[in-house]
PDB file of N, CA and C in Angstrom:
ATOM      1  N   MET A   1      38.600 -83.336 -39.941  1.00  0.00           N
ATOM      2  CA  MET A   1      38.575 -82.273 -38.949  1.00  0.00           C
ATOM      3  C   MET A   1      37.236 -81.546 -39.020  1.00  0.00           C
ATOM      4  N   ALA A   2      36.588 -81.398 -37.883  1.00  0.00           N
ATOM      5  CA  ALA A   2      35.279 -80.763 -37.826  1.00  0.00           C
ATOM      6  C   ALA A   2      35.409 -79.250 -38.012  1.00  0.00           C
ATOM      7  N   ALA A   3      34.393 -78.676 -38.614  1.00  0.00           N
ATOM      8  CA  ALA A   3      34.375 -77.225 -38.800  1.00  0.00           C
ATOM      9  C   ALA A   3      34.131 -76.546 -37.455  1.00  0.00           C
ATOM     10  N   VAL A   4      34.777 -75.423 -37.245  1.00  0.00           N
ATOM     11  CA  VAL A   4      34.599 -74.656 -36.023  1.00  0.00           C
ATOM     12  C   VAL A   4      33.293 -73.875 -36.132  1.00  0.00           C
ATOM     13  N   ARG A   5      32.480 -73.961 -35.090  1.00  0.00           N
ATOM     14  CA  ARG A   5      31.225 -73.209 -35.087  1.00  0.00           C
ATOM     15  C   ARG A   5      31.524 -71.731 -34.880  1.00  0.00           C
ATOM     16  N   VAL A   6      30.891 -70.904 -35.672  1.00  0.00           N
ATOM     17  CA  VAL A   6      31.055 -69.459 -35.567  1.00  0.00           C
ATOM     18  C   VAL A   6      29.669 -68.858 -35.363  1.00  0.00           C
ATOM     19  N   TYR A   7      29.561 -67.965 -34.397  1.00  0.00           N
ATOM     20  CA  TYR A   7      28.283 -67.350 -34.068  1.00  0.00           C
ATOM     21  C   TYR A   7      28.311 -65.876 -34.415  1.00  0.00           C
ATOM     22  N   ARG A   8      27.191 -65.368 -34.940  1.00  0.00           N
ATOM     23  CA  ARG A   8      27.082 -63.947 -35.243  1.00  0.00           C
ATOM     24  C   ARG A   8      26.533 -63.230 -34.015  1.00  0.00           C
ATOM     25  N   HIS A   9      27.173 -62.128 -33.689  1.00  0.00           N
ATOM     26  CA  HIS A   9      26.759 -61.297 -32.565  1.00  0.00           C
ATOM     27  C   HIS A   9      26.560 -59.877 -33.070  1.00  0.00           C
ATOM     28  N   PRO A  10      25.492 -59.201 -32.633  1.00  0.00           N
ATOM     29  CA  PRO A  10      25.340 -57.807 -33.050  1.00  0.00           C
ATOM     30  C   PRO A  10      26.457 -56.946 -32.467  1.00  0.00           C
ATOM     31  N   GLU A  11      26.858 -55.944 -33.227  1.00  0.00           N
ATOM     32  CA  GLU A  11      27.803 -54.953 -32.713  1.00  0.00           C
ATOM     33  C   GLU A  11      27.127 -54.225 -31.552  1.00  0.00           C
ATOM     34  N   THR A  12      27.918 -53.652 -30.678  1.00  0.00           N
ATOM     35  CA  THR A  12      27.359 -52.930 -29.530  1.00  0.00           C
ATOM     36  C   THR A  12      26.339 -51.894 -29.987  1.00  0.00           C
ATOM     37  N   SER A  13      26.656 -51.160 -31.038  1.00  0.00           N
ATOM     38  CA  SER A  13      25.753 -50.105 -31.528  1.00  0.00           C
ATOM     39  C   SER A  13      24.454 -50.667 -32.113  1.00  0.00           C
ATOM     40  N   GLU A  14      24.430 -51.955 -32.426  1.00  0.00           N
ATOM     41  CA  GLU A  14      23.237 -52.599 -32.996  1.00  0.00           C
ATOM     42  C   GLU A  14      22.311 -53.179 -31.929  1.00  0.00           C
ATOM     43  N   ILE A  15      22.752 -53.215 -30.681  1.00  0.00           N
ATOM     44  CA  ILE A  15      21.921 -53.778 -29.617  1.00  0.00           C
ATOM     45  C   ILE A  15      20.748 -52.829 -29.396  1.00  0.00           C
ATOM     46  N   ALA A  16      19.532 -53.340 -29.572  1.00  0.00           N
ATOM     47  CA  ALA A  16      18.322 -52.518 -29.531  1.00  0.00           C
ATOM     48  C   ALA A  16      17.508 -52.809 -28.274  1.00  0.00           C
ATOM     49  N   MET A  17      17.050 -51.765 -27.619  1.00  0.00           N
ATOM     50  CA  MET A  17      16.280 -51.891 -26.392  1.00  0.00           C
ATOM     51  C   MET A  17      15.066 -52.819 -26.537  1.00  0.00           C
ATOM     52  N   PRO A  18      14.247 -52.693 -27.580  1.00  0.00           N
ATOM     53  CA  PRO A  18      13.088 -53.595 -27.674  1.00  0.00           C
ATOM     54  C   PRO A  18      13.476 -55.080 -27.697  1.00  0.00           C
ATOM     55  N   ARG A  19      14.545 -55.411 -28.394  1.00  0.00           N
ATOM     56  CA  ARG A  19      14.977 -56.820 -28.454  1.00  0.00           C
ATOM     57  C   ARG A  19      15.508 -57.291 -27.115  1.00  0.00           C
ATOM     58  N   VAL A  20      16.247 -56.431 -26.424  1.00  0.00           N
ATOM     59  CA  VAL A  20      16.785 -56.786 -25.104  1.00  0.00           C
ATOM     60  C   VAL A  20      15.634 -56.997 -24.127  1.00  0.00           C
ATOM     61  N   LEU A  21      14.678 -56.073 -24.109  1.00  0.00           N
ATOM     62  CA  LEU A  21      13.550 -56.203 -23.188  1.00  0.00           C
ATOM     63  C   LEU A  21      12.706 -57.427 -23.510  1.00  0.00           C
ATOM     64  N   PHE A  22      12.521 -57.720 -24.780  1.00  0.00           N
ATOM     65  CA  PHE A  22      11.784 -58.929 -25.149  1.00  0.00           C
ATOM     66  C   PHE A  22      12.513 -60.167 -24.637  1.00  0.00           C
ATOM     67  N   ALA A  23      13.823 -60.223 -24.847  1.00  0.00           N
ATOM     68  CA  ALA A  23      14.598 -61.380 -24.403  1.00  0.00           C
ATOM     69  C   ALA A  23      14.528 -61.536 -22.888  1.00  0.00           C
ATOM     70  N   LEU A  24      14.544 -60.438 -22.169  1.00  0.00           N
ATOM     71  CA  LEU A  24      14.510 -60.485 -20.707  1.00  0.00           C
ATOM     72  C   LEU A  24      13.107 -60.678 -20.145  1.00  0.00           C
ATOM     73  N   SER A  25      12.093 -60.625 -20.992  1.00  0.00           N
ATOM     74  CA  SER A  25      10.712 -60.738 -20.510  1.00  0.00           C
ATOM     75  C   SER A  25      10.308 -62.167 -20.196  1.00  0.00           C
ATOM     76  N   GLU A  26      11.097 -63.139 -20.600  1.00  0.00           N
ATOM     77  CA  GLU A  26      10.774 -64.546 -20.370  1.00  0.00           C
ATOM     78  C   GLU A  26      11.512 -65.016 -19.116  1.00  0.00           C
ATOM     79  N   PRO A  27      10.799 -65.542 -18.107  1.00  0.00           N
ATOM     80  CA  PRO A  27      11.441 -65.923 -16.844  1.00  0.00           C
ATOM     81  C   PRO A  27      12.613 -66.891 -16.990  1.00  0.00           C
ATOM     82  N   LEU A  28      12.538 -67.825 -17.908  1.00  0.00           N
ATOM     83  CA  LEU A  28      13.637 -68.770 -18.091  1.00  0.00           C
ATOM     84  C   LEU A  28      14.903 -68.047 -18.555  1.00  0.00           C
ATOM     85  N   ARG A  29      14.752 -67.166 -19.537  1.00  0.00           N
ATOM     86  CA  ARG A  29      15.920 -66.407 -20.022  1.00  0.00           C
ATOM     87  C   ARG A  29      16.433 -65.453 -18.956  1.00  0.00           C
ATOM     88  N   LEU A  30      15.544 -64.859 -18.195  1.00  0.00           N
ATOM     89  CA  LEU A  30      15.958 -63.976 -17.110  1.00  0.00           C
ATOM     90  C   LEU A  30      16.770 -64.764 -16.084  1.00  0.00           C
ATOM     91  N   GLY A  31      16.362 -65.979 -15.806  1.00  0.00           N
ATOM     92  CA  GLY A  31      17.126 -66.837 -14.902  1.00  0.00           C
ATOM     93  C   GLY A  31      18.495 -67.179 -15.463  1.00  0.00           C
ATOM     94  N   MET A  32      18.572 -67.376 -16.775  1.00  0.00           N
ATOM     95  CA  MET A  32      19.862 -67.644 -17.420  1.00  0.00           C
ATOM     96  C   MET A  32      20.792 -66.445 -17.250  1.00  0.00           C
ATOM     97  N   VAL A  33      20.258 -65.257 -17.454  1.00  0.00           N
ATOM     98  CA  VAL A  33      21.055 -64.034 -17.309  1.00  0.00           C
ATOM     99  C   VAL A  33      21.517 -63.897 -15.860  1.00  0.00           C
ATOM    100  N   ARG A  34      20.647 -64.177 -14.910  1.00  0.00           N
ATOM    101  CA  ARG A  34      21.022 -64.113 -13.490  1.00  0.00           C
ATOM    102  C   ARG A  34      22.192 -65.066 -13.214  1.00  0.00           C
ATOM    103  N   THR A  35      22.133 -66.267 -13.767  1.00  0.00           N
ATOM    104  CA  THR A  35      23.219 -67.241 -13.596  1.00  0.00           C
ATOM    105  C   THR A  35      24.521 -66.690 -14.155  1.00  0.00           C
ATOM    106  N   LEU A  36      24.461 -66.064 -15.333  1.00  0.00           N
ATOM    107  CA  LEU A  36      25.669 -65.503 -15.943  1.00  0.00           C
ATOM    108  C   LEU A  36      26.233 -64.353 -15.119  1.00  0.00           C
ATOM    109  N   VAL A  37      25.367 -63.536 -14.544  1.00  0.00           N
ATOM    110  CA  VAL A  37      25.831 -62.443 -13.675  1.00  0.00           C
ATOM    111  C   VAL A  37      26.558 -63.017 -12.470  1.00  0.00           C
ATOM    112  N   GLU A  38      25.995 -64.077 -11.900  1.00  0.00           N
ATOM    113  CA  GLU A  38      26.559 -64.670 -10.686  1.00  0.00           C
ATOM    114  C   GLU A  38      27.805 -65.507 -10.942  1.00  0.00           C
ATOM    115  N   ARG A  39      27.860 -66.221 -12.077  1.00  0.00           N
ATOM    116  CA  ARG A  39      28.925 -67.202 -12.285  1.00  0.00           C
ATOM    117  C   ARG A  39      29.906 -66.855 -13.388  1.00  0.00           C
ATOM    118  N   GLY A  40      29.623 -65.845 -14.194  1.00  0.00           N
ATOM    119  CA  GLY A  40      30.506 -65.530 -15.314  1.00  0.00           C
ATOM    120  C   GLY A  40      30.248 -66.481 -16.470  1.00  0.00           C
ATOM    121  N   GLU A  41      31.281 -66.789 -17.222  1.00  0.00           N
ATOM    122  CA  GLU A  41      31.129 -67.656 -18.389  1.00  0.00           C
ATOM    123  C   GLU A  41      30.870 -69.098 -17.970  1.00  0.00           C
ATOM    124  N   VAL A  42      29.880 -69.724 -18.608  1.00  0.00           N
ATOM    125  CA  VAL A  42      29.539 -71.117 -18.309  1.00  0.00           C
ATOM    126  C   VAL A  42      29.274 -71.875 -19.606  1.00  0.00           C
ATOM    127  N   ASP A  43      29.332 -73.196 -19.514  1.00  0.00           N
ATOM    128  CA  ASP A  43      28.906 -74.054 -20.619  1.00  0.00           C
ATOM    129  C   ASP A  43      27.386 -73.905 -20.716  1.00  0.00           C
ATOM    130  N   SER A  44      26.857 -73.783 -21.913  1.00  0.00           N
ATOM    131  CA  SER A  44      25.423 -73.548 -22.088  1.00  0.00           C
ATOM    132  C   SER A  44      24.568 -74.572 -21.363  1.00  0.00           C
ATOM    133  N   ILE A  45      25.023 -75.800 -21.284  1.00  0.00           N
ATOM    134  CA  ILE A  45      24.235 -76.854 -20.638  1.00  0.00           C
ATOM    135  C   ILE A  45      23.981 -76.529 -19.164  1.00  0.00           C
ATOM    136  N   GLU A  46      24.855 -75.732 -18.553  1.00  0.00           N
ATOM    137  CA  GLU A  46      24.679 -75.344 -17.154  1.00  0.00           C
ATOM    138  C   GLU A  46      23.544 -74.338 -16.973  1.00  0.00           C
ATOM    139  N   LEU A  47      23.098 -73.723 -18.057  1.00  0.00           N
ATOM    140  CA  LEU A  47      22.007 -72.750 -17.979  1.00  0.00           C
ATOM    141  C   LEU A  47      20.643 -73.422 -17.983  1.00  0.00           C
ATOM    142  N   GLY A  48      20.587 -74.681 -18.357  1.00  0.00           N
ATOM    143  CA  GLY A  48      19.317 -75.402 -18.390  1.00  0.00           C
ATOM    144  C   GLY A  48      19.537 -76.891 -18.450  1.00  0.00           C
ATOM    145  N   PRO A  49      20.142 -77.459 -17.402  1.00  0.00           N
ATOM    146  CA  PRO A  49      20.488 -78.880 -17.448  1.00  0.00           C
ATOM    147  C   PRO A  49      19.284 -79.811 -17.595  1.00  0.00           C
ATOM    148  N   ASP A  50      18.104 -79.345 -17.202  1.00  0.00           N
ATOM    149  CA  ASP A  50      16.905 -80.183 -17.302  1.00  0.00           C
ATOM    150  C   ASP A  50      16.090 -79.903 -18.562  1.00  0.00           C
ATOM    151  N   LEU A  51      16.564 -78.991 -19.385  1.00  0.00           N
ATOM    152  CA  LEU A  51      15.831 -78.628 -20.602  1.00  0.00           C
ATOM    153  C   LEU A  51      16.249 -79.508 -21.775  1.00  0.00           C
ATOM    154  N   PRO A  52      15.312 -79.772 -22.693  1.00  0.00           N
ATOM    155  CA  PRO A  52      15.719 -80.421 -23.949  1.00  0.00           C
ATOM    156  C   PRO A  52      16.712 -79.517 -24.670  1.00  0.00           C
ATOM    157  N   ARG A  53      17.673 -80.107 -25.350  1.00  0.00           N
ATOM    158  CA  ARG A  53      18.704 -79.323 -26.036  1.00  0.00           C
ATOM    159  C   ARG A  53      18.087 -78.310 -27.003  1.00  0.00           C
ATOM    160  N   SER A  54      17.017 -78.674 -27.706  1.00  0.00           N
ATOM    161  CA  SER A  54      16.403 -77.742 -28.660  1.00  0.00           C
ATOM    162  C   SER A  54      15.839 -76.511 -27.950  1.00  0.00           C
ATOM    163  N   THR A  55      15.271 -76.691 -26.765  1.00  0.00           N
ATOM    164  CA  THR A  55      14.740 -75.564 -25.998  1.00  0.00           C
ATOM    165  C   THR A  55      15.876 -74.675 -25.514  1.00  0.00           C
ATOM    166  N   LEU A  56      16.926 -75.291 -24.998  1.00  0.00           N
ATOM    167  CA  LEU A  56      18.092 -74.547 -24.531  1.00  0.00           C
ATOM    168  C   LEU A  56      18.719 -73.747 -25.672  1.00  0.00           C
ATOM    169  N   THR A  57      18.851 -74.389 -26.830  1.00  0.00           N
ATOM    170  CA  THR A  57      19.419 -73.715 -27.997  1.00  0.00           C
ATOM    171  C   THR A  57      18.557 -72.532 -28.417  1.00  0.00           C
ATOM    172  N   HIS A  58      17.256 -72.704 -28.413  1.00  0.00           N
ATOM    173  CA  HIS A  58      16.341 -71.613 -28.782  1.00  0.00           C
ATOM    174  C   HIS A  58      16.548 -70.403 -27.868  1.00  0.00           C
ATOM    175  N   HIS A  59      16.562 -70.643 -26.561  1.00  0.00           N
ATOM    176  CA  HIS A  59      16.676 -69.527 -25.619  1.00  0.00           C
ATOM    177  C   HIS A  59      18.058 -68.875 -25.653  1.00  0.00           C
ATOM    178  N   THR A  60      19.113 -69.675 -25.761  1.00  0.00           N
ATOM    179  CA  THR A  60      20.451 -69.072 -25.820  1.00  0.00           C
ATOM    180  C   THR A  60      20.647 -68.318 -27.134  1.00  0.00           C
ATOM    181  N   SER A  61      20.066 -68.819 -28.212  1.00  0.00           N
ATOM    182  CA  SER A  61      20.159 -68.109 -29.498  1.00  0.00           C
ATOM    183  C   SER A  61      19.458 -66.760 -29.430  1.00  0.00           C
ATOM    184  N   LEU A  62      18.301 -66.738 -28.795  1.00  0.00           N
ATOM    185  CA  LEU A  62      17.574 -65.477 -28.678  1.00  0.00           C
ATOM    186  C   LEU A  62      18.369 -64.474 -27.841  1.00  0.00           C
ATOM    187  N   LEU A  63      18.983 -64.943 -26.766  1.00  0.00           N
ATOM    188  CA  LEU A  63      19.824 -64.053 -25.955  1.00  0.00           C
ATOM    189  C   LEU A  63      21.017 -63.539 -26.754  1.00  0.00           C
ATOM    190  N   ARG A  64      21.618 -64.403 -27.563  1.00  0.00           N
ATOM    191  CA  ARG A  64      22.765 -64.005 -28.397  1.00  0.00           C
ATOM    192  C   ARG A  64      22.332 -63.000 -29.460  1.00  0.00           C
ATOM    193  N   GLU A  65      21.254 -63.308 -30.168  1.00  0.00           N
ATOM    194  CA  GLU A  65      20.793 -62.432 -31.255  1.00  0.00           C
ATOM    195  C   GLU A  65      20.350 -61.065 -30.751  1.00  0.00           C
ATOM    196  N   SER A  66      19.907 -60.993 -29.508  1.00  0.00           N
ATOM    197  CA  SER A  66      19.481 -59.706 -28.946  1.00  0.00           C
ATOM    198  C   SER A  66      20.664 -58.898 -28.419  1.00  0.00           C
ATOM    199  N   GLY A  67      21.847 -59.537 -28.330  1.00  0.00           N
ATOM    200  CA  GLY A  67      23.039 -58.833 -27.880  1.00  0.00           C
ATOM    201  C   GLY A  67      23.315 -58.956 -26.392  1.00  0.00           C
ATOM    202  N   ILE A  68      22.579 -59.817 -25.705  1.00  0.00           N
ATOM    203  CA  ILE A  68      22.744 -59.952 -24.261  1.00  0.00           C
ATOM    204  C   ILE A  68      23.928 -60.848 -23.905  1.00  0.00           C
ATOM    205  N   VAL A  69      24.176 -61.873 -24.701  1.00  0.00           N
ATOM    206  CA  VAL A  69      25.263 -62.800 -24.394  1.00  0.00           C
ATOM    207  C   VAL A  69      26.220 -62.943 -25.576  1.00  0.00           C
ATOM    208  N   PHE A  70      27.430 -63.398 -25.240  1.00  0.00           N
ATOM    209  CA  PHE A  70      28.436 -63.747 -26.236  1.00  0.00           C
ATOM    210  C   PHE A  70      28.626 -65.254 -26.152  1.00  0.00           C
ATOM    211  N   VAL A  71      28.582 -65.918 -27.296  1.00  0.00           N
ATOM    212  CA  VAL A  71      28.690 -67.369 -27.361  1.00  0.00           C
ATOM    213  C   VAL A  71      29.924 -67.732 -28.169  1.00  0.00           C
ATOM    214  N   ARG A  72      30.674 -68.707 -27.669  1.00  0.00           N
ATOM    215  CA  ARG A  72      31.831 -69.199 -28.405  1.00  0.00           C
ATOM    216  C   ARG A  72      31.930 -70.704 -28.246  1.00  0.00           C
ATOM    217  N   ALA A  73      32.433 -71.332 -29.286  1.00  0.00           N
ATOM    218  CA  ALA A  73      32.649 -72.773 -29.256  1.00  0.00           C
ATOM    219  C   ALA A  73      33.987 -73.055 -28.595  1.00  0.00           C
ATOM    220  N   GLU A  74      33.997 -74.083 -27.760  1.00  0.00           N
ATOM    221  CA  GLU A  74      35.237 -74.548 -27.137  1.00  0.00           C
ATOM    222  C   GLU A  74      35.176 -76.076 -27.172  1.00  0.00           C
ATOM    223  N   GLY A  75      35.734 -76.641 -28.236  1.00  0.00           N
ATOM    224  CA  GLY A  75      35.607 -78.083 -28.428  1.00  0.00           C
ATOM    225  C   GLY A  75      34.143 -78.430 -28.638  1.00  0.00           C
ATOM    226  N   ARG A  76      33.647 -79.352 -27.844  1.00  0.00           N
ATOM    227  CA  ARG A  76      32.240 -79.744 -27.934  1.00  0.00           C
ATOM    228  C   ARG A  76      31.334 -78.839 -27.106  1.00  0.00           C
ATOM    229  N   LYS A  77      31.936 -77.982 -26.306  1.00  0.00           N
ATOM    230  CA  LYS A  77      31.166 -77.096 -25.438  1.00  0.00           C
ATOM    231  C   LYS A  77      30.740 -75.835 -26.182  1.00  0.00           C
ATOM    232  N   CYS A  78      29.698 -75.233 -25.651  1.00  0.00           N
ATOM    233  CA  CYS A  78      29.208 -73.947 -26.147  1.00  0.00           C
ATOM    234  C   CYS A  78      29.251 -73.004 -24.952  1.00  0.00           C
ATOM    235  N   MET A  79      30.302 -72.193 -24.887  1.00  0.00           N
ATOM    236  CA  MET A  79      30.520 -71.309 -23.744  1.00  0.00           C
ATOM    237  C   MET A  79      29.755 -69.995 -23.931  1.00  0.00           C
ATOM    238  N   ILE A  80      29.130 -69.542 -22.858  1.00  0.00           N
ATOM    239  CA  ILE A  80      28.292 -68.342 -22.918  1.00  0.00           C
ATOM    240  C   ILE A  80      28.663 -67.412 -21.767  1.00  0.00           C
ATOM    241  N   ARG A  81      28.730 -66.112 -22.093  1.00  0.00           N
ATOM    242  CA  ARG A  81      28.961 -65.106 -21.054  1.00  0.00           C
ATOM    243  C   ARG A  81      28.095 -63.889 -21.351  1.00  0.00           C
ATOM    244  N   LEU A  82      27.769 -63.168 -20.319  1.00  0.00           N
ATOM    245  CA  LEU A  82      26.995 -61.940 -20.447  1.00  0.00           C
ATOM    246  C   LEU A  82      27.857 -60.862 -21.088  1.00  0.00           C
ATOM    247  N   ARG A  83      27.281 -60.101 -21.990  1.00  0.00           N
ATOM    248  CA  ARG A  83      27.993 -58.970 -22.596  1.00  0.00           C
ATOM    249  C   ARG A  83      27.807 -57.748 -21.691  1.00  0.00           C
ATOM    250  N   ALA A  84      28.251 -57.880 -20.465  1.00  0.00           N
ATOM    251  CA  ALA A  84      28.003 -56.865 -19.432  1.00  0.00           C
ATOM    252  C   ALA A  84      28.519 -55.486 -19.832  1.00  0.00           C
ATOM    253  N   ASP A  85      29.741 -55.411 -20.320  1.00  0.00           N
ATOM    254  CA  ASP A  85      30.310 -54.103 -20.684  1.00  0.00           C
ATOM    255  C   ASP A  85      29.549 -53.472 -21.842  1.00  0.00           C
ATOM    256  N   ASP A  86      29.203 -54.268 -22.851  1.00  0.00           N
ATOM    257  CA  ASP A  86      28.455 -53.744 -24.003  1.00  0.00           C
ATOM    258  C   ASP A  86      27.072 -53.266 -23.578  1.00  0.00           C
ATOM    259  N   LEU A  87      26.404 -54.052 -22.740  1.00  0.00           N
ATOM    260  CA  LEU A  87      25.071 -53.666 -22.286  1.00  0.00           C
ATOM    261  C   LEU A  87      25.122 -52.431 -21.399  1.00  0.00           C
ATOM    262  N   GLU A  88      26.135 -52.353 -20.548  1.00  0.00           N
ATOM    263  CA  GLU A  88      26.278 -51.192 -19.677  1.00  0.00           C
ATOM    264  C   GLU A  88      26.578 -49.929 -20.495  1.00  0.00           C
ATOM    265  N   ALA A  89      27.383 -50.074 -21.547  1.00  0.00           N
ATOM    266  CA  ALA A  89      27.693 -48.932 -22.414  1.00  0.00           C
ATOM    267  C   ALA A  89      26.444 -48.467 -23.162  1.00  0.00           C
ATOM    268  N   ARG A  90      25.644 -49.404 -23.591  1.00  0.00           N
ATOM    269  CA  ARG A  90      24.459 -49.098 -24.402  1.00  0.00           C
ATOM    270  C   ARG A  90      23.284 -48.623 -23.546  1.00  0.00           C
ATOM    271  N   PHE A  91      23.044 -49.344 -22.432  1.00  0.00           N
ATOM    272  CA  PHE A  91      21.889 -49.060 -21.565  1.00  0.00           C
ATOM    273  C   PHE A  91      22.331 -49.133 -20.102  1.00  0.00           C
ATOM    274  N   PRO A  92      22.980 -48.072 -19.599  1.00  0.00           N
ATOM    275  CA  PRO A  92      23.526 -48.100 -18.240  1.00  0.00           C
ATOM    276  C   PRO A  92      22.499 -48.508 -17.182  1.00  0.00           C
ATOM    277  N   GLY A  93      22.893 -49.505 -16.388  1.00  0.00           N
ATOM    278  CA  GLY A  93      22.061 -49.940 -15.275  1.00  0.00           C
ATOM    279  C   GLY A  93      20.906 -50.863 -15.623  1.00  0.00           C
ATOM    280  N   LEU A  94      20.661 -51.124 -16.888  1.00  0.00           N
ATOM    281  CA  LEU A  94      19.473 -51.884 -17.282  1.00  0.00           C
ATOM    282  C   LEU A  94      19.446 -53.292 -16.694  1.00  0.00           C
ATOM    283  N   ILE A  95      20.504 -54.059 -16.876  1.00  0.00           N
ATOM    284  CA  ILE A  95      20.496 -55.452 -16.434  1.00  0.00           C
ATOM    285  C   ILE A  95      20.298 -55.530 -14.924  1.00  0.00           C
ATOM    286  N   GLN A  96      21.029 -54.732 -14.173  1.00  0.00           N
ATOM    287  CA  GLN A  96      20.872 -54.781 -12.713  1.00  0.00           C
ATOM    288  C   GLN A  96      19.488 -54.323 -12.292  1.00  0.00           C
ATOM    289  N   THR A  97      18.929 -53.327 -12.965  1.00  0.00           N
ATOM    290  CA  THR A  97      17.582 -52.860 -12.648  1.00  0.00           C
ATOM    291  C   THR A  97      16.555 -53.964 -12.871  1.00  0.00           C
ATOM    292  N   VAL A  98      16.665 -54.651 -13.998  1.00  0.00           N
ATOM    293  CA  VAL A  98      15.731 -55.745 -14.301  1.00  0.00           C
ATOM    294  C   VAL A  98      15.886 -56.870 -13.282  1.00  0.00           C
ATOM    295  N   LEU A  99      17.123 -57.244 -12.977  1.00  0.00           N
ATOM    296  CA  LEU A  99      17.347 -58.327 -12.010  1.00  0.00           C
ATOM    297  C   LEU A  99      16.865 -57.929 -10.617  1.00  0.00           C
ATOM    298  N   ASN A 100      17.052 -56.674 -10.238  1.00  0.00           N
ATOM    299  CA  ASN A 100      16.578 -56.218  -8.933  1.00  0.00           C
ATOM    300  C   ASN A 100      15.051 -56.236  -8.864  1.00  0.00           C
ATOM    301  N   GLY A 101      14.407 -55.993  -9.998  1.00  0.00           N
ATOM    302  CA  GLY A 101      12.943 -55.976 -10.052  1.00  0.00           C
ATOM    303  C   GLY A 101      12.327 -57.354  -9.976  1.00  0.00           C
ATOM    304  N   TYR A 102      13.104 -58.376 -10.285  1.00  0.00           N
ATOM    305  CA  TYR A 102      12.619 -59.751 -10.270  1.00  0.00           C
ATOM    306  C   TYR A 102      13.626 -60.622  -9.541  1.00  0.00           C
ATOM    307  N   PRO A 103      13.541 -60.648  -8.203  1.00  0.00           N
ATOM    308  CA  PRO A 103      14.482 -61.452  -7.422  1.00  0.00           C
ATOM    309  C   PRO A 103      14.438 -62.927  -7.829  1.00  0.00           C
ATOM    310  N   ALA A 104      15.521 -63.638  -7.595  1.00  0.00           N
ATOM    311  CA  ALA A 104      15.598 -65.071  -7.901  1.00  0.00           C
ATOM    312  C   ALA A 104      14.483 -65.808  -7.182  1.00  0.00           C
ATOM    313  N   GLY A 105      13.871 -66.778  -7.875  1.00  0.00           N
ATOM    314  CA  GLY A 105      12.824 -67.581  -7.270  1.00  0.00           C
ATOM    315  C   GLY A 105      11.439 -66.978  -7.356  1.00  0.00           C
ATOM    316  N   VAL A 106      11.310 -65.820  -8.004  1.00  0.00           N
ATOM    317  CA  VAL A 106      10.007 -65.188  -8.161  1.00  0.00           C
ATOM    318  C   VAL A 106       9.600 -65.296  -9.616  1.00  0.00           C
ATOM    319  N   ASP A 107       8.371 -65.788  -9.870  1.00  0.00           N
ATOM    320  CA  ASP A 107       7.931 -65.924 -11.258  1.00  0.00           C
ATOM    321  C   ASP A 107       7.380 -64.598 -11.780  1.00  0.00           C
ATOM    322  N   GLU A 108       6.908 -64.618 -13.030  1.00  0.00           N
ATOM    323  CA  GLU A 108       6.493 -63.363 -13.674  1.00  0.00           C
ATOM    324  C   GLU A 108       5.279 -62.707 -13.030  1.00  0.00           C
ATOM    325  N   GLU A 109       4.487 -63.451 -12.227  1.00  0.00           N
ATOM    326  CA  GLU A 109       3.356 -62.851 -11.547  1.00  0.00           C
ATOM    327  C   GLU A 109       3.744 -62.288 -10.187  1.00  0.00           C
ATOM    328  N   GLY A 110       5.033 -62.491  -9.797  1.00  0.00           N
ATOM    329  CA  GLY A 110       5.502 -61.991  -8.509  1.00  0.00           C
ATOM    330  C   GLY A 110       5.332 -62.989  -7.383  1.00  0.00           C
ATOM    331  N   ASP A 111       4.949 -64.238  -7.722  1.00  0.00           N
ATOM    332  CA  ASP A 111       4.763 -65.280  -6.715  1.00  0.00           C
ATOM    333  C   ASP A 111       6.073 -65.986  -6.452  1.00  0.00           C
ATOM    334  N   ALA A 112       6.298 -66.299  -5.185  1.00  0.00           N
ATOM    335  CA  ALA A 112       7.520 -67.040  -4.831  1.00  0.00           C
ATOM    336  C   ALA A 112       7.333 -68.523  -5.082  1.00  0.00           C
TER     337      ALA A 112
END
């Protein structure tokens, strides 16, 4: 029987603004967060189907460690959801403000 994967998540009170802003500063991760806002919980592979698994794991781990997402194992899948309530409690309006500032399809320089 395989061991169940367990992921460490910061407590709501441990979620720090600098780490959240750093995680959201990368366009790929920002796109992942946008997907989670729009679709709810998804299999991690849906956040970057064209990415190498190591790259996808790196970015999802950074989002998890910063407190932006909650990750859980479900069989062979790695399910991910936005910690919307925790983020809203800690930093009201932050996620929506960031997403509104960078519409989908716009890169970090503001080019479509």
